[in-house]
Amino acid sequence: MTRLLHLDASPRPGLAGTHQHGSHTRRLTHHFVSRWRALEPNVEIIYRDIGATPPQLISVEWIKAAFTPAQNRSESMLTVLAESDTLANEVIQADILVLGVPLYNFGPPAAFKAWIDSIISMGRTIDYDKKYGTHPYLPFEHYLPLLADRPRHAVMLSARGGFDFDPGRPLAAFNHLEPSARTALQFIGISGFHNIAIEHQEEGGEALATSTRNALVRIDRLVQRLHDEVTAQQLPHSA
């Protein structure tokens, strides 16, 4: 059985195309999950809406607690870390992260950055060991990605007001959403990263409609490809 972590970071409630002022990224994530459920009805879904309920920002109390050895943490420190532990556990349990994150002012919404800061957790998703060599996915020495224990994928589904933000396009250098998310997730051991975005949101009209249709088709193809890959990995090896 596959576990999906379905995360929505848009503050907009509702789905574009169904609700007035609905979220384009929510439409994409819900489409991905519904397509996966059609292929695997018993898929386990962990849902987290950080657009409606953003994670707490990192505080000095959090830093003190996080960098205190686990056996020395006080009850108040455990309370401070409780949300971060919950968010990290959801990532640890998941096979595929389905992340609906709009591009705001060239980067992620604050809620998504707060989520990233919460799930990069020393001793839970990343560790440091001077005896450890090279990080398998990034050029760092001594960092041990604890989520590299098995294949995991992150699927980032985004929406952009403008256009031409993809790699190789004129505004690619101004896109600090997907590159930063890929780096952070690979840092903790999530090697598979896939992204699909709707563009032309500000322009609207046929340009937005075409971009939306193309994104939905690409999601259908990605769901099928990832489902085939995950299913193959779950099959018992023949003797």
Protein backbone atom coordinates (compact mmCIF):
# COMPACT_ATOMS: atom_id res chain seq x y z
CA MET A 1 0.00 0.00 0.00
CA THR A 2 1.27 3.45 -0.94
CA ARG A 3 1.24 6.39 1.47
CA LEU A 4 0.74 9.89 0.04
CA LEU A 5 1.34 13.06 2.01
CA HIS A 6 -1.05 15.58 0.45
CA LEU A 7 -0.07 19.11 1.42
CA ASP A 8 -1.76 22.35 0.36
CA ALA A 9 0.03 25.66 0.99
CA SER A 10 -2.31 28.10 -0.72
CA PRO A 11 -4.34 30.35 1.60
CA ARG A 12 -7.17 30.25 -0.94
CA PRO A 13 -9.93 27.79 0.00
CA GLY A 14 -11.70 25.86 -2.70
CA LEU A 15 -10.56 24.71 -6.12
CA ALA A 16 -10.07 26.84 -9.22
CA GLY A 17 -12.63 25.99 -11.86
CA THR A 18 -15.12 24.93 -9.18
CA HIS A 19 -15.15 27.71 -6.57
CA GLN A 20 -14.96 31.45 -7.08
CA HIS A 21 -11.40 32.61 -6.37
CA GLY A 22 -10.46 28.97 -5.75
CA SER A 23 -6.87 27.78 -5.64
CA HIS A 24 -5.11 26.51 -8.75
CA THR A 25 -2.59 24.51 -6.73
CA ARG A 26 -5.35 22.87 -4.69
CA ARG A 27 -7.02 21.88 -7.95
CA LEU A 28 -3.78 20.25 -9.09
CA THR A 29 -3.10 18.36 -5.86
CA HIS A 30 -6.66 17.10 -5.59
CA HIS A 31 -6.51 15.99 -9.22
CA PHE A 32 -3.27 14.09 -8.56
CA VAL A 33 -4.69 12.37 -5.47
CA SER A 34 -7.97 11.47 -7.17
CA ARG A 35 -6.11 9.93 -10.12
CA TRP A 36 -3.88 7.95 -7.78
CA ARG A 37 -6.90 6.76 -5.79
CA ALA A 38 -8.48 5.54 -9.04
CA LEU A 39 -5.43 3.33 -9.61
CA GLU A 40 -5.05 2.32 -5.96
CA PRO A 41 -8.32 2.60 -4.01
CA ASN A 42 -6.72 1.59 -0.70
CA VAL A 43 -3.97 4.22 -0.88
CA GLU A 44 -3.31 5.85 2.50
CA ILE A 45 -3.66 9.64 2.43
CA ILE A 46 -2.12 11.92 5.04
CA TYR A 47 -3.57 15.40 4.54
CA ARG A 48 -2.03 18.62 5.82
CA ASP A 49 -3.46 22.08 5.00
CA ILE A 50 -0.73 24.57 5.90
CA GLY A 51 -2.46 27.26 3.87
CA ALA A 52 -5.31 27.29 6.39
CA THR A 53 -3.16 26.43 9.42
CA PRO A 54 0.48 27.50 8.90
CA PRO A 55 3.19 25.87 11.01
CA GLN A 56 4.78 27.95 13.75
CA LEU A 57 7.86 29.89 12.79
CA ILE A 58 11.22 28.86 14.17
CA SER A 59 11.80 30.60 17.51
CA VAL A 60 14.67 30.82 19.97
CA GLU A 61 12.80 28.35 22.18
CA TRP A 62 12.58 25.90 19.26
CA ILE A 63 16.30 26.27 18.53
CA LYS A 64 17.24 25.63 22.18
CA ALA A 65 15.00 22.55 22.28
CA ALA A 66 16.07 21.15 18.91
CA PHE A 67 19.77 21.36 19.74
CA THR A 68 19.41 19.91 23.24
CA PRO A 69 20.14 16.15 23.35
CA ALA A 70 16.84 14.25 23.37
CA GLN A 71 17.49 12.68 26.76
CA ASN A 72 18.02 16.13 28.31
CA ARG A 73 14.90 17.87 26.98
CA SER A 74 12.45 19.28 29.48
CA GLU A 75 8.67 18.94 29.19
CA SER A 76 8.47 22.50 27.88
CA MET A 77 11.05 21.69 25.21
CA LEU A 78 9.07 18.64 24.12
CA THR A 79 5.98 20.83 23.84
CA VAL A 80 7.84 23.35 21.67
CA LEU A 81 8.98 20.56 19.33
CA ALA A 82 5.66 18.70 19.21
CA GLU A 83 4.39 20.26 15.97
CA SER A 84 7.76 19.89 14.25
CA ASP A 85 7.90 16.23 15.28
CA THR A 86 4.41 15.63 13.90
CA LEU A 87 5.23 17.26 10.55
CA ALA A 88 8.50 15.35 10.27
CA ASN A 89 6.74 12.07 11.07
CA GLU A 90 4.24 12.67 8.26
CA VAL A 91 7.12 13.05 5.80
CA ILE A 92 8.94 10.00 7.17
CA GLN A 93 5.83 7.84 6.74
CA ALA A 94 5.10 8.96 3.17
CA ASP A 95 6.21 7.34 -0.08
CA ILE A 96 5.15 10.33 -2.18
CA LEU A 97 4.78 13.96 -1.15
CA VAL A 98 2.13 15.83 -3.18
CA LEU A 99 2.90 19.49 -2.56
CA GLY A 100 0.58 22.24 -3.76
CA VAL A 101 2.64 25.43 -3.50
CA PRO A 102 2.01 28.68 -5.40
CA LEU A 103 4.86 30.94 -6.53
CA TYR A 104 4.64 34.18 -4.55
CA ASN A 105 7.07 37.00 -5.36
CA PHE A 106 9.60 34.60 -6.88
CA GLY A 107 9.54 32.15 -3.95
CA PRO A 108 7.31 30.04 -1.70
CA PRO A 109 4.59 31.29 0.65
CA ALA A 110 5.81 31.78 4.21
CA ALA A 111 3.76 28.78 5.38
CA PHE A 112 5.69 26.44 3.09
CA LYS A 113 9.07 27.78 4.24
CA ALA A 114 7.94 27.27 7.84
CA TRP A 115 7.02 23.68 6.95
CA ILE A 116 10.44 23.08 5.38
CA ASP A 117 12.14 24.48 8.51
CA SER A 118 10.06 22.13 10.66
CA ILE A 119 10.73 18.92 8.73
CA ILE A 120 14.50 19.39 8.46
CA SER A 121 15.03 17.98 11.91
CA MET A 122 18.38 16.88 13.28
CA GLY A 123 18.16 13.28 14.41
CA ARG A 124 14.79 12.75 12.68
CA THR A 125 15.29 13.49 8.98
CA ILE A 126 18.97 14.52 8.86
CA ASP A 127 22.03 13.79 10.96
CA TYR A 128 25.67 14.83 11.11
CA ASP A 129 28.50 12.37 11.51
CA LYS A 130 32.16 13.21 10.89
CA LYS A 131 32.72 9.55 10.00
CA TYR A 132 30.15 9.76 7.21
CA GLY A 133 31.41 10.58 3.73
CA THR A 134 29.67 12.29 0.87
CA HIS A 135 25.93 13.04 0.86
CA PRO A 136 24.38 10.83 -1.89
CA TYR A 137 22.30 13.59 -3.48
CA LEU A 138 24.11 16.86 -2.66
CA PRO A 139 27.80 17.83 -2.44
CA PHE A 140 27.99 17.94 1.36
CA GLU A 141 30.38 16.04 3.61
CA HIS A 142 29.30 14.34 6.84
CA TYR A 143 25.53 14.99 6.50
CA LEU A 144 23.52 11.77 6.72
CA PRO A 145 20.10 11.99 5.01
CA LEU A 146 17.89 9.76 7.15
CA LEU A 147 15.13 9.54 4.52
CA ALA A 148 17.44 7.90 1.99
CA ASP A 149 16.55 4.53 3.54
CA ARG A 150 14.02 3.84 0.77
CA PRO A 151 12.81 5.48 -2.45
CA ARG A 152 10.63 8.54 -1.90
CA HIS A 153 9.28 11.11 -4.34
CA ALA A 154 8.18 14.71 -4.03
CA VAL A 155 5.74 16.12 -6.57
CA MET A 156 5.52 19.92 -6.50
CA LEU A 157 2.39 21.32 -8.16
CA SER A 158 2.54 25.07 -8.51
CA ALA A 159 0.80 28.08 -10.04
CA ARG A 160 2.43 31.26 -11.30
CA GLY A 161 1.04 34.67 -12.12
CA GLY A 162 3.47 35.10 -15.01
CA PHE A 163 5.10 32.66 -17.37
CA ASP A 164 8.47 31.39 -18.64
CA PHE A 165 9.76 30.41 -15.18
CA ASP A 166 10.73 26.84 -16.13
CA PRO A 167 14.38 25.78 -16.59
CA GLY A 168 15.78 27.09 -19.87
CA ARG A 169 13.13 29.81 -20.14
CA PRO A 170 13.81 33.57 -19.87
CA LEU A 171 12.67 33.96 -16.24
CA ALA A 172 14.11 30.72 -14.85
CA ALA A 173 16.66 32.61 -12.74
CA PHE A 174 13.81 34.39 -10.92
CA ASN A 175 12.14 31.13 -9.86
CA HIS A 176 13.30 30.37 -6.31
CA LEU A 177 10.48 27.96 -5.49
CA GLU A 178 11.20 24.60 -7.09
CA PRO A 179 15.02 24.84 -6.86
CA SER A 180 14.97 25.62 -3.13
CA ALA A 181 12.40 22.91 -2.39
CA ARG A 182 14.35 20.33 -4.40
CA THR A 183 17.54 21.18 -2.48
CA ALA A 184 15.85 20.99 0.94
CA LEU A 185 14.08 17.71 0.21
CA GLN A 186 17.12 16.05 -1.33
CA PHE A 187 19.10 17.20 1.72
CA ILE A 188 17.00 14.91 3.92
CA GLY A 189 17.08 12.04 1.43
CA ILE A 190 14.10 12.43 -0.91
CA SER A 191 15.79 11.71 -4.22
CA GLY A 192 12.84 11.87 -6.61
CA PHE A 193 11.60 15.38 -7.45
CA HIS A 194 8.97 16.25 -10.05
CA ASN A 195 7.28 19.57 -10.73
CA ILE A 196 4.35 20.73 -12.84
CA ALA A 197 3.04 24.30 -12.88
CA ILE A 198 0.17 26.35 -14.22
CA GLU A 199 1.26 29.70 -15.68
CA HIS A 200 -0.48 32.85 -17.04
CA GLN A 201 -2.65 33.25 -13.94
CA GLU A 202 -2.52 37.07 -14.10
CA GLU A 203 -3.26 37.10 -17.83
CA GLY A 204 -6.11 34.64 -17.56
CA GLY A 205 -8.24 33.78 -20.55
CA GLU A 206 -7.18 31.15 -23.07
CA ALA A 207 -3.52 31.29 -22.03
CA LEU A 208 -4.43 30.23 -18.48
CA ALA A 209 -6.96 27.67 -19.70
CA THR A 210 -4.41 26.06 -22.03
CA SER A 211 -1.76 25.99 -19.33
CA THR A 212 -4.24 24.39 -16.92
CA ARG A 213 -5.25 21.70 -19.41
CA ASN A 214 -1.62 20.91 -20.14
CA ALA A 215 -0.81 20.67 -16.42
CA LEU A 216 -3.69 18.24 -15.81
CA VAL A 217 -2.57 16.03 -18.70
CA ARG A 218 1.01 16.02 -17.38
CA ILE A 219 -0.28 15.06 -13.93
CA ASP A 220 -2.19 12.11 -15.40
CA ARG A 221 0.99 10.88 -17.08
CA LEU A 222 3.10 11.40 -13.97
CA VAL A 223 0.61 9.55 -11.77
CA GLN A 224 0.67 6.57 -14.11
CA ARG A 225 4.48 6.55 -14.29
CA LEU A 226 5.02 6.89 -10.56
CA HIS A 227 2.32 4.35 -9.76
CA ASP A 228 3.96 1.82 -12.09
CA GLU A 229 7.34 2.50 -10.46
CA VAL A 230 6.08 2.30 -6.88
CA THR A 231 4.06 -0.84 -7.61
CA ALA A 232 7.11 -2.53 -9.12
CA GLN A 233 9.16 -1.67 -6.03
CA GLN A 234 6.49 -3.13 -3.75
CA LEU A 235 6.34 -6.47 -5.57
CA PRO A 236 8.23 -9.29 -3.79
CA HIS A 237 11.45 -10.28 -5.51
CA SER A 238 11.37 -13.69 -7.14
CA ALA A 239 13.65 -16.33 -5.66
